[in-house]
């Protein structure tokens, strides 16, 4: 039951009131602290609670405060520890806790989006699309001054994210503290999240035989740009598909051997009118999705 005092706000700005209510629900201190207790392997809560750390980080990330130090200073009288203790807590935060926070937020929001019928139409009928992409923290003013202008300097970390276009949400993240790590090193963490009838879209960095095979064996579809180091045996004739905005399209089957199994997929090629900035004149995309999938049929 909504208190009577809220009625004027609900009438004047119902969306704003609902949005704030949802955000407060997402970041309830009790829920956040329970999430920490359920997930943490080494860390513990004593004087400084996880929910207090999240509050400081939200203020900084959403730029309501210019820095973590400024956020702490504004709340110092309510903080049971020193600013240095907050920095120490952040420095030792387990990556699993960060990943759990992202997953928990998505789990809380997704049912609401579906209830409001605010989901987007699927990119391909019959498939639940998953976009896999990676990123690393670039040079920022928070780094040591000597490293701020150098791309070769140590980076804070790397993250892989799974994005759900229908919900417009990042549902999972996979983290490593090594900013120079290859994205492929995190793929084994992604595999358990593959589901039947998924459609995974990814760039060529994720084009490995192991990942393609795992997707195919899980009865999931994929649309992944072929990496130059991944070579297969072309089968049959190359068929013209027509033109697109950037060039001429073709299709041909290609066969790969992985362990004791054979993986046969379609390779869609675009012969570009203009080379890419990397000098590529053709782009190859591997997929096990049928060519008529866009019409709603399934394999």
C-alpha atoms as a PDB file:
ATOM      1  CA  UNK A   1       0.000   0.000   0.000  1.00  0.00           C
ATOM      2  CA  UNK A   2       1.400   3.382  -1.048  1.00  0.00           C
ATOM      3  CA  UNK A   3       1.231   6.107   1.643  1.00  0.00           C
ATOM      4  CA  UNK A   4      -1.160   8.962   0.868  1.00  0.00           C
ATOM      5  CA  UNK A   5       1.755  11.417   0.866  1.00  0.00           C
ATOM      6  CA  UNK A   6       3.053   9.776  -2.316  1.00  0.00           C
ATOM      7  CA  UNK A   7      -0.159  10.342  -4.294  1.00  0.00           C
ATOM      8  CA  UNK A   8       0.803  13.781  -5.701  1.00  0.00           C
ATOM      9  CA  UNK A   9       4.130  12.411  -6.917  1.00  0.00           C
ATOM     10  CA  UNK A  10       2.494   9.358  -8.470  1.00  0.00           C
ATOM     11  CA  UNK A  11       0.044  11.551 -10.367  1.00  0.00           C
ATOM     12  CA  UNK A  12       2.630  14.090 -11.518  1.00  0.00           C
ATOM     13  CA  UNK A  13       5.590  11.797 -12.284  1.00  0.00           C
ATOM     14  CA  UNK A  14       4.597   8.133 -11.977  1.00  0.00           C
ATOM     15  CA  UNK A  15       7.533   6.835 -14.037  1.00  0.00           C
ATOM     16  CA  UNK A  16      10.073   8.682 -11.876  1.00  0.00           C
ATOM     17  CA  UNK A  17       8.531   7.336  -8.674  1.00  0.00           C
ATOM     18  CA  UNK A  18       8.425   3.780 -10.004  1.00  0.00           C
ATOM     19  CA  UNK A  19      12.012   4.004 -11.304  1.00  0.00           C
ATOM     20  CA  UNK A  20      13.275   5.173  -7.932  1.00  0.00           C
ATOM     21  CA  UNK A  21      11.329   2.437  -6.136  1.00  0.00           C
ATOM     22  CA  UNK A  22      12.845  -0.209  -8.412  1.00  0.00           C
ATOM     23  CA  UNK A  23      16.379   1.110  -7.947  1.00  0.00           C
ATOM     24  CA  UNK A  24      15.982   1.227  -4.175  1.00  0.00           C
ATOM     25  CA  UNK A  25      14.771  -2.367  -4.275  1.00  0.00           C
ATOM     26  CA  UNK A  26      17.811  -3.404  -6.300  1.00  0.00           C
ATOM     27  CA  UNK A  27      20.224  -1.897  -3.812  1.00  0.00           C
ATOM     28  CA  UNK A  28      18.559  -2.624  -0.497  1.00  0.00           C
ATOM     29  CA  UNK A  29      21.388  -2.812   2.055  1.00  0.00           C
ATOM     30  CA  UNK A  30      20.000  -6.023   3.562  1.00  0.00           C
ATOM     31  CA  UNK A  31      19.971  -7.770   0.180  1.00  0.00           C
ATOM     32  CA  UNK A  32      23.464  -6.581  -0.711  1.00  0.00           C
ATOM     33  CA  UNK A  33      24.942  -7.695   2.588  1.00  0.00           C
ATOM     34  CA  UNK A  34      23.265 -11.093   2.285  1.00  0.00           C
ATOM     35  CA  UNK A  35      24.640 -11.421  -1.249  1.00  0.00           C
ATOM     36  CA  UNK A  36      28.103 -10.750   0.149  1.00  0.00           C
ATOM     37  CA  UNK A  37      27.709 -13.384   2.860  1.00  0.00           C
ATOM     38  CA  UNK A  38      26.464 -15.956   0.345  1.00  0.00           C
ATOM     39  CA  UNK A  39      29.239 -15.294  -2.189  1.00  0.00           C
ATOM     40  CA  UNK A  40      32.419 -14.277  -0.376  1.00  0.00           C
ATOM     41  CA  UNK A  41      35.115 -16.927  -0.072  1.00  0.00           C
ATOM     42  CA  UNK A  42      37.823 -15.060   1.856  1.00  0.00           C
ATOM     43  CA  UNK A  43      36.473 -11.640   2.779  1.00  0.00           C
ATOM     44  CA  UNK A  44      34.337 -10.875   5.784  1.00  0.00           C
ATOM     45  CA  UNK A  45      32.194  -7.999   7.022  1.00  0.00           C
ATOM     46  CA  UNK A  46      32.918  -6.403  10.355  1.00  0.00           C
ATOM     47  CA  UNK A  47      32.678  -2.644  10.711  1.00  0.00           C
ATOM     48  CA  UNK A  48      32.425  -1.735   7.007  1.00  0.00           C
ATOM     49  CA  UNK A  49      29.481  -3.389   5.242  1.00  0.00           C
ATOM     50  CA  UNK A  50      29.420  -4.363   1.580  1.00  0.00           C
ATOM     51  CA  UNK A  51      26.278  -2.260   1.084  1.00  0.00           C
ATOM     52  CA  UNK A  52      28.203   0.825   2.218  1.00  0.00           C
ATOM     53  CA  UNK A  53      30.959   0.134  -0.292  1.00  0.00           C
ATOM     54  CA  UNK A  54      28.367  -0.281  -3.065  1.00  0.00           C
ATOM     55  CA  UNK A  55      26.793   3.061  -2.094  1.00  0.00           C
ATOM     56  CA  UNK A  56      30.149   4.798  -2.455  1.00  0.00           C
ATOM     57  CA  UNK A  57      30.839   3.138  -5.800  1.00  0.00           C
ATOM     58  CA  UNK A  58      27.372   4.011  -7.132  1.00  0.00           C
ATOM     59  CA  UNK A  59      27.867   7.658  -6.229  1.00  0.00           C
ATOM     60  CA  UNK A  60      31.188   7.643  -8.086  1.00  0.00           C
ATOM     61  CA  UNK A  61      30.101   5.581 -11.095  1.00  0.00           C
ATOM     62  CA  UNK A  62      26.913   7.577 -11.674  1.00  0.00           C
ATOM     63  CA  UNK A  63      28.955  10.768 -11.216  1.00  0.00           C
ATOM     64  CA  UNK A  64      26.915  12.241  -8.426  1.00  0.00           C
ATOM     65  CA  UNK A  65      30.320  12.547  -6.762  1.00  0.00           C
ATOM     66  CA  UNK A  66      33.548  13.460  -8.540  1.00  0.00           C
ATOM     67  CA  UNK A  67      35.587  10.706  -6.909  1.00  0.00           C
ATOM     68  CA  UNK A  68      35.469   7.949  -4.339  1.00  0.00           C
ATOM     69  CA  UNK A  69      37.258  10.220  -1.910  1.00  0.00           C
ATOM     70  CA  UNK A  70      34.609  12.913  -2.373  1.00  0.00           C
ATOM     71  CA  UNK A  71      31.837  10.352  -1.865  1.00  0.00           C
ATOM     72  CA  UNK A  72      33.496   9.168   1.335  1.00  0.00           C
ATOM     73  CA  UNK A  73      34.040  12.730   2.605  1.00  0.00           C
ATOM     74  CA  UNK A  74      30.326  13.545   2.248  1.00  0.00           C
ATOM     75  CA  UNK A  75      29.396  10.433   4.239  1.00  0.00           C
ATOM     76  CA  UNK A  76      32.363  10.369   6.626  1.00  0.00           C
ATOM     77  CA  UNK A  77      30.322  10.956   9.779  1.00  0.00           C
ATOM     78  CA  UNK A  78      28.261   7.837   9.037  1.00  0.00           C
ATOM     79  CA  UNK A  79      31.236   5.686   8.073  1.00  0.00           C
ATOM     80  CA  UNK A  80      32.674   3.471  10.822  1.00  0.00           C
ATOM     81  CA  UNK A  81      36.125   3.261   9.212  1.00  0.00           C
ATOM     82  CA  UNK A  82      38.760   5.509   7.665  1.00  0.00           C
ATOM     83  CA  UNK A  83      38.976   6.374   3.979  1.00  0.00           C
ATOM     84  CA  UNK A  84      42.071   4.206   3.668  1.00  0.00           C
ATOM     85  CA  UNK A  85      40.107   1.257   5.050  1.00  0.00           C
ATOM     86  CA  UNK A  86      37.537   1.765   2.286  1.00  0.00           C
ATOM     87  CA  UNK A  87      40.291   1.713  -0.338  1.00  0.00           C
ATOM     88  CA  UNK A  88      41.729  -1.435   1.221  1.00  0.00           C
ATOM     89  CA  UNK A  89      38.296  -3.076   1.137  1.00  0.00           C
ATOM     90  CA  UNK A  90      37.843  -2.250  -2.521  1.00  0.00           C
ATOM     91  CA  UNK A  91      41.329  -3.452  -3.394  1.00  0.00           C
ATOM     92  CA  UNK A  92      40.624  -6.864  -1.904  1.00  0.00           C
ATOM     93  CA  UNK A  93      37.070  -7.291  -3.203  1.00  0.00           C
ATOM     94  CA  UNK A  94      36.693 -10.758  -4.693  1.00  0.00           C
ATOM     95  CA  UNK A  95      35.844 -10.850  -8.379  1.00  0.00           C
ATOM     96  CA  UNK A  96      33.128 -13.415  -7.710  1.00  0.00           C
ATOM     97  CA  UNK A  97      31.268 -10.903  -5.552  1.00  0.00           C
ATOM     98  CA  UNK A  98      31.285  -8.324  -8.356  1.00  0.00           C
ATOM     99  CA  UNK A  99      29.999 -10.893 -10.844  1.00  0.00           C
ATOM    100  CA  UNK A 100      27.306 -12.015  -8.407  1.00  0.00           C
ATOM    101  CA  UNK A 101      26.124  -8.409  -7.989  1.00  0.00           C
ATOM    102  CA  UNK A 102      25.639  -8.032 -11.760  1.00  0.00           C
ATOM    103  CA  UNK A 103      23.830 -11.370 -12.008  1.00  0.00           C
ATOM    104  CA  UNK A 104      21.607 -10.597  -9.028  1.00  0.00           C
ATOM    105  CA  UNK A 105      20.608  -7.200 -10.444  1.00  0.00           C
ATOM    106  CA  UNK A 106      19.661  -8.784 -13.783  1.00  0.00           C
ATOM    107  CA  UNK A 107      17.685 -11.519 -12.015  1.00  0.00           C
ATOM    108  CA  UNK A 108      15.730  -8.867 -10.136  1.00  0.00           C
ATOM    109  CA  UNK A 109      14.978  -6.654 -13.136  1.00  0.00           C
ATOM    110  CA  UNK A 110      14.257  -9.266 -15.821  1.00  0.00           C
ATOM    111  CA  UNK A 111      10.880 -10.462 -14.407  1.00  0.00           C
ATOM    112  CA  UNK A 112       9.704  -6.855 -14.145  1.00  0.00           C
ATOM    113  CA  UNK A 113      10.621  -6.144 -17.784  1.00  0.00           C
ATOM    114  CA  UNK A 114       8.711  -9.231 -18.884  1.00  0.00           C
ATOM    115  CA  UNK A 115       5.698  -8.371 -16.716  1.00  0.00           C
ATOM    116  CA  UNK A 116       5.546  -4.881 -18.237  1.00  0.00           C
ATOM    117  CA  UNK A 117       5.815  -6.503 -21.693  1.00  0.00           C
ATOM    118  CA  UNK A 118       8.783  -4.242 -22.370  1.00  0.00           C
ATOM    119  CA  UNK A 119      10.982  -6.888 -23.997  1.00  0.00           C
ATOM    120  CA  UNK A 120      12.244  -6.340 -27.513  1.00  0.00           C
ATOM    121  CA  UNK A 121      11.426  -8.663 -30.374  1.00  0.00           C
ATOM    122  CA  UNK A 122      13.965 -11.497 -30.808  1.00  0.00           C
ATOM    123  CA  UNK A 123      16.592 -10.888 -33.458  1.00  0.00           C
ATOM    124  CA  UNK A 124      15.890 -14.361 -34.868  1.00  0.00           C
ATOM    125  CA  UNK A 125      12.541 -16.052 -34.115  1.00  0.00           C
ATOM    126  CA  UNK A 126      12.864 -19.104 -31.879  1.00  0.00           C
ATOM    127  CA  UNK A 127      16.234 -18.106 -30.442  1.00  0.00           C
ATOM    128  CA  UNK A 128      17.237 -16.308 -27.244  1.00  0.00           C
ATOM    129  CA  UNK A 129      20.057 -14.015 -28.336  1.00  0.00           C
ATOM    130  CA  UNK A 130      23.247 -13.644 -26.306  1.00  0.00           C
ATOM    131  CA  UNK A 131      25.928 -11.133 -27.312  1.00  0.00           C
ATOM    132  CA  UNK A 132      29.386 -11.896 -25.924  1.00  0.00           C
ATOM    133  CA  UNK A 133      31.931  -9.117 -25.835  1.00  0.00           C
ATOM    134  CA  UNK A 134      35.025  -8.154 -23.908  1.00  0.00           C
ATOM    135  CA  UNK A 135      36.509  -4.922 -22.652  1.00  0.00           C
ATOM    136  CA  UNK A 136      39.289  -3.673 -20.444  1.00  0.00           C
ATOM    137  CA  UNK A 137      39.698  -0.587 -18.308  1.00  0.00           C
ATOM    138  CA  UNK A 138      41.553   1.978 -20.363  1.00  0.00           C
ATOM    139  CA  UNK A 139      43.885   4.707 -19.144  1.00  0.00           C
ATOM    140  CA  UNK A 140      42.085   7.051 -16.755  1.00  0.00           C
ATOM    141  CA  UNK A 141      42.967   9.821 -14.366  1.00  0.00           C
ATOM    142  CA  UNK A 142      42.607   7.309 -11.524  1.00  0.00           C
ATOM    143  CA  UNK A 143      45.781   5.516 -12.662  1.00  0.00           C
ATOM    144  CA  UNK A 144      49.267   6.450 -11.523  1.00  0.00           C
ATOM    145  CA  UNK A 145      50.323   9.638 -13.283  1.00  0.00           C
ATOM    146  CA  UNK A 146      53.340   7.990 -14.902  1.00  0.00           C
ATOM    147  CA  UNK A 147      51.031   5.439 -16.603  1.00  0.00           C
ATOM    148  CA  UNK A 148      48.173   7.675 -17.730  1.00  0.00           C
ATOM    149  CA  UNK A 149      49.452   8.235 -21.272  1.00  0.00           C
ATOM    150  CA  UNK A 150      50.779   4.735 -21.908  1.00  0.00           C
ATOM    151  CA  UNK A 151      48.778   1.870 -23.415  1.00  0.00           C
ATOM    152  CA  UNK A 152      51.630  -0.472 -22.494  1.00  0.00           C
ATOM    153  CA  UNK A 153      51.212   0.216 -18.801  1.00  0.00           C
ATOM    154  CA  UNK A 154      49.527  -2.310 -16.504  1.00  0.00           C
ATOM    155  CA  UNK A 155      45.741  -2.242 -16.927  1.00  0.00           C
ATOM    156  CA  UNK A 156      43.307  -2.641 -14.021  1.00  0.00           C
ATOM    157  CA  UNK A 157      41.560  -5.691 -15.468  1.00  0.00           C
ATOM    158  CA  UNK A 158      39.469  -7.256 -18.208  1.00  0.00           C
ATOM    159  CA  UNK A 159      35.824  -8.238 -18.362  1.00  0.00           C
ATOM    160  CA  UNK A 160      33.651 -10.403 -20.602  1.00  0.00           C
ATOM    161  CA  UNK A 161      29.977  -9.540 -20.592  1.00  0.00           C
ATOM    162  CA  UNK A 162      26.882 -11.384 -21.780  1.00  0.00           C
ATOM    163  CA  UNK A 163      24.295  -8.962 -23.133  1.00  0.00           C
ATOM    164  CA  UNK A 164      20.633  -9.886 -23.640  1.00  0.00           C
ATOM    165  CA  UNK A 165      19.234  -7.650 -26.436  1.00  0.00           C
ATOM    166  CA  UNK A 166      15.624  -8.597 -25.713  1.00  0.00           C
ATOM    167  CA  UNK A 167      15.892  -7.413 -22.109  1.00  0.00           C
ATOM    168  CA  UNK A 168      18.532  -4.759 -22.890  1.00  0.00           C
ATOM    169  CA  UNK A 169      20.505  -6.036 -19.901  1.00  0.00           C
ATOM    170  CA  UNK A 170      23.980  -7.327 -19.165  1.00  0.00           C
ATOM    171  CA  UNK A 171      23.106 -10.581 -17.406  1.00  0.00           C
ATOM    172  CA  UNK A 172      26.563 -11.965 -16.530  1.00  0.00           C
ATOM    173  CA  UNK A 173      30.163 -10.830 -16.369  1.00  0.00           C
ATOM    174  CA  UNK A 174      33.428 -12.764 -16.148  1.00  0.00           C
ATOM    175  CA  UNK A 175      36.411 -10.954 -14.698  1.00  0.00           C
ATOM    176  CA  UNK A 176      40.168 -11.199 -14.506  1.00  0.00           C
ATOM    177  CA  UNK A 177      42.546  -8.782 -12.744  1.00  0.00           C
ATOM    178  CA  UNK A 178      45.030  -9.082 -15.631  1.00  0.00           C
ATOM    179  CA  UNK A 179      44.171  -6.382 -18.154  1.00  0.00           C
ATOM    180  CA  UNK A 180      46.575  -7.920 -20.673  1.00  0.00           C
ATOM    181  CA  UNK A 181      44.972 -11.372 -20.527  1.00  0.00           C
ATOM    182  CA  UNK A 182      43.547 -12.819 -23.740  1.00  0.00           C
ATOM    183  CA  UNK A 183      39.762 -12.807 -23.795  1.00  0.00           C
ATOM    184  CA  UNK A 184      39.840 -16.449 -24.810  1.00  0.00           C
ATOM    185  CA  UNK A 185      41.189 -17.385 -21.395  1.00  0.00           C
ATOM    186  CA  UNK A 186      37.775 -16.565 -19.926  1.00  0.00           C
ATOM    187  CA  UNK A 187      35.752 -18.648 -22.412  1.00  0.00           C
ATOM    188  CA  UNK A 188      35.698 -21.773 -20.151  1.00  0.00           C
ATOM    189  CA  UNK A 189      33.781 -19.686 -17.591  1.00  0.00           C
ATOM    190  CA  UNK A 190      31.205 -18.791 -20.253  1.00  0.00           C
ATOM    191  CA  UNK A 191      30.508 -22.355 -21.455  1.00  0.00           C
ATOM    192  CA  UNK A 192      28.329 -23.391 -18.451  1.00  0.00           C
ATOM    193  CA  UNK A 193      25.985 -20.508 -19.299  1.00  0.00           C
ATOM    194  CA  UNK A 194      25.174 -21.834 -22.778  1.00  0.00           C
ATOM    195  CA  UNK A 195      21.583 -22.982 -23.147  1.00  0.00           C
ATOM    196  CA  UNK A 196      19.649 -24.808 -25.841  1.00  0.00           C
ATOM    197  CA  UNK A 197      18.007 -22.446 -28.346  1.00  0.00           C
ATOM    198  CA  UNK A 198      20.458 -19.675 -27.502  1.00  0.00           C
ATOM    199  CA  UNK A 199      21.904 -17.640 -30.353  1.00  0.00           C
ATOM    200  CA  UNK A 200      25.396 -16.420 -29.510  1.00  0.00           C
ATOM    201  CA  UNK A 201      26.857 -13.465 -31.388  1.00  0.00           C
ATOM    202  CA  UNK A 202      30.540 -12.665 -30.935  1.00  0.00           C
ATOM    203  CA  UNK A 203      33.576 -11.203 -32.663  1.00  0.00           C
ATOM    204  CA  UNK A 204      36.484 -13.230 -34.033  1.00  0.00           C
ATOM    205  CA  UNK A 205      38.379 -13.139 -30.724  1.00  0.00           C
ATOM    206  CA  UNK A 206      35.945 -15.804 -29.515  1.00  0.00           C
ATOM    207  CA  UNK A 207      36.167 -17.935 -32.648  1.00  0.00           C
ATOM    208  CA  UNK A 208      37.813 -21.092 -31.311  1.00  0.00           C
ATOM    209  CA  UNK A 209      37.001 -24.693 -32.148  1.00  0.00           C
ATOM    210  CA  UNK A 210      36.390 -25.439 -28.499  1.00  0.00           C
ATOM    211  CA  UNK A 211      33.805 -22.672 -28.130  1.00  0.00           C
ATOM    212  CA  UNK A 212      32.078 -23.414 -31.452  1.00  0.00           C
ATOM    213  CA  UNK A 213      31.874 -27.107 -30.579  1.00  0.00           C
ATOM    214  CA  UNK A 214      30.516 -26.359 -27.096  1.00  0.00           C
ATOM    215  CA  UNK A 215      27.791 -24.185 -28.600  1.00  0.00           C
ATOM    216  CA  UNK A 216      26.858 -26.754 -31.225  1.00  0.00           C
ATOM    217  CA  UNK A 217      26.777 -29.638 -28.743  1.00  0.00           C
ATOM    218  CA  UNK A 218      24.506 -27.619 -26.430  1.00  0.00           C
ATOM    219  CA  UNK A 219      22.036 -27.190 -29.331  1.00  0.00           C
ATOM    220  CA  UNK A 220      22.757 -23.469 -29.373  1.00  0.00           C
ATOM    221  CA  UNK A 221      23.146 -21.356 -32.470  1.00  0.00           C
ATOM    222  CA  UNK A 222      26.061 -19.046 -33.162  1.00  0.00           C
ATOM    223  CA  UNK A 223      26.994 -16.202 -35.491  1.00  0.00           C
ATOM    224  CA  UNK A 224      30.710 -15.551 -34.984  1.00  0.00           C
ATOM    225  CA  UNK A 225      33.229 -13.890 -37.242  1.00  0.00           C
ATOM    226  CA  UNK A 226      35.919 -16.328 -38.353  1.00  0.00           C
ATOM    227  CA  UNK A 227      39.388 -15.762 -36.931  1.00  0.00           C
ATOM    228  CA  UNK A 228      42.207 -15.843 -39.438  1.00  0.00           C
ATOM    229  CA  UNK A 229      44.005 -18.551 -37.461  1.00  0.00           C
ATOM    230  CA  UNK A 230      41.011 -20.914 -37.647  1.00  0.00           C
ATOM    231  CA  UNK A 231      41.195 -22.808 -40.927  1.00  0.00           C
ATOM    232  CA  UNK A 232      38.726 -25.381 -42.159  1.00  0.00           C
ATOM    233  CA  UNK A 233      38.028 -27.373 -45.323  1.00  0.00           C
ATOM    234  CA  UNK A 234      35.598 -25.690 -47.708  1.00  0.00           C
ATOM    235  CA  UNK A 235      32.895 -27.999 -49.078  1.00  0.00           C
ATOM    236  CA  UNK A 236      30.649 -27.607 -52.096  1.00  0.00           C
ATOM    237  CA  UNK A 237      30.299 -24.549 -54.268  1.00  0.00           C
ATOM    238  CA  UNK A 238      30.232 -20.972 -53.142  1.00  0.00           C
ATOM    239  CA  UNK A 239      26.754 -19.511 -53.725  1.00  0.00           C
ATOM    240  CA  UNK A 240      25.988 -15.846 -54.315  1.00  0.00           C
ATOM    241  CA  UNK A 241      23.567 -14.304 -51.810  1.00  0.00           C
ATOM    242  CA  UNK A 242      23.224 -10.856 -53.307  1.00  0.00           C
ATOM    243  CA  UNK A 243      24.476  -7.443 -52.309  1.00  0.00           C
ATOM    244  CA  UNK A 244      24.383  -5.649 -48.986  1.00  0.00           C
ATOM    245  CA  UNK A 245      25.311  -2.089 -48.118  1.00  0.00           C
ATOM    246  CA  UNK A 246      29.037  -2.790 -47.974  1.00  0.00           C
ATOM    247  CA  UNK A 247      29.625  -5.469 -50.616  1.00  0.00           C
ATOM    248  CA  UNK A 248      28.674  -8.756 -52.238  1.00  0.00           C
ATOM    249  CA  UNK A 249      27.539 -11.703 -50.133  1.00  0.00           C
ATOM    250  CA  UNK A 250      28.370 -15.389 -50.627  1.00  0.00           C
ATOM    251  CA  UNK A 251      27.761 -18.622 -48.745  1.00  0.00           C
ATOM    252  CA  UNK A 252      29.670 -21.912 -48.592  1.00  0.00           C
ATOM    253  CA  UNK A 253      29.881 -24.832 -46.211  1.00  0.00           C
ATOM    254  CA  UNK A 254      33.080 -25.318 -44.225  1.00  0.00           C
ATOM    255  CA  UNK A 255      34.176 -28.321 -42.177  1.00  0.00           C
ATOM    256  CA  UNK A 256      36.285 -28.362 -39.019  1.00  0.00           C
ATOM    257  CA  UNK A 257      37.743 -31.235 -37.024  1.00  0.00           C
ATOM    258  CA  UNK A 258      37.736 -30.943 -33.231  1.00  0.00           C
ATOM    259  CA  UNK A 259      39.013 -33.860 -31.198  1.00  0.00           C
ATOM    260  CA  UNK A 260      37.213 -36.860 -32.708  1.00  0.00           C
ATOM    261  CA  UNK A 261      34.252 -34.919 -34.097  1.00  0.00           C
ATOM    262  CA  UNK A 262      33.448 -33.067 -37.295  1.00  0.00           C
ATOM    263  CA  UNK A 263      31.743 -29.684 -37.208  1.00  0.00           C
ATOM    264  CA  UNK A 264      30.147 -28.589 -40.466  1.00  0.00           C
ATOM    265  CA  UNK A 265      28.732 -25.058 -40.606  1.00  0.00           C
ATOM    266  CA  UNK A 266      27.861 -22.313 -43.063  1.00  0.00           C
ATOM    267  CA  UNK A 267      30.410 -19.624 -43.854  1.00  0.00           C
ATOM    268  CA  UNK A 268      28.868 -16.351 -44.981  1.00  0.00           C
ATOM    269  CA  UNK A 269      31.355 -14.105 -46.770  1.00  0.00           C
ATOM    270  CA  UNK A 270      31.064 -10.429 -47.632  1.00  0.00           C
ATOM    271  CA  UNK A 271      33.482  -9.269 -50.329  1.00  0.00           C
ATOM    272  CA  UNK A 272      33.831  -5.639 -49.335  1.00  0.00           C
ATOM    273  CA  UNK A 273      33.625  -2.694 -51.698  1.00  0.00           C
ATOM    274  CA  UNK A 274      36.173  -0.916 -49.506  1.00  0.00           C
ATOM    275  CA  UNK A 275      38.800  -2.572 -47.260  1.00  0.00           C
ATOM    276  CA  UNK A 276      38.400  -2.281 -43.503  1.00  0.00           C
ATOM    277  CA  UNK A 277      40.761  -0.109 -41.473  1.00  0.00           C
ATOM    278  CA  UNK A 278      42.768  -3.296 -40.859  1.00  0.00           C
ATOM    279  CA  UNK A 279      43.065  -3.870 -44.611  1.00  0.00           C
ATOM    280  CA  UNK A 280      40.621  -6.806 -44.810  1.00  0.00           C
ATOM    281  CA  UNK A 281      38.897  -7.139 -48.178  1.00  0.00           C
ATOM    282  CA  UNK A 282      36.597  -9.974 -47.075  1.00  0.00           C
ATOM    283  CA  UNK A 283      34.738 -10.749 -43.868  1.00  0.00           C
ATOM    284  CA  UNK A 284      33.842 -14.362 -43.038  1.00  0.00           C
ATOM    285  CA  UNK A 285      31.129 -15.220 -40.525  1.00  0.00           C
ATOM    286  CA  UNK A 286      30.566 -18.766 -39.266  1.00  0.00           C
ATOM    287  CA  UNK A 287      27.090 -19.918 -38.280  1.00  0.00           C
ATOM    288  CA  UNK A 288      25.141 -23.100 -37.652  1.00  0.00           C
ATOM    289  CA  UNK A 289      21.835 -21.244 -37.916  1.00  0.00           C
ATOM    290  CA  UNK A 290      19.745 -22.300 -40.950  1.00  0.00           C
ATOM    291  CA  UNK A 291      19.478 -19.761 -43.741  1.00  0.00           C
ATOM    292  CA  UNK A 292      15.688 -19.684 -43.356  1.00  0.00           C
ATOM    293  CA  UNK A 293      15.777 -19.080 -39.581  1.00  0.00           C
ATOM    294  CA  UNK A 294      14.678 -15.486 -40.017  1.00  0.00           C
ATOM    295  CA  UNK A 295      11.393 -16.833 -41.408  1.00  0.00           C
ATOM    296  CA  UNK A 296      10.717 -18.549 -38.084  1.00  0.00           C
ATOM    297  CA  UNK A 297      11.674 -22.135 -39.002  1.00  0.00           C
ATOM    298  CA  UNK A 298      14.042 -24.172 -36.887  1.00  0.00           C
ATOM    299  CA  UNK A 299      16.691 -26.698 -37.756  1.00  0.00           C
END
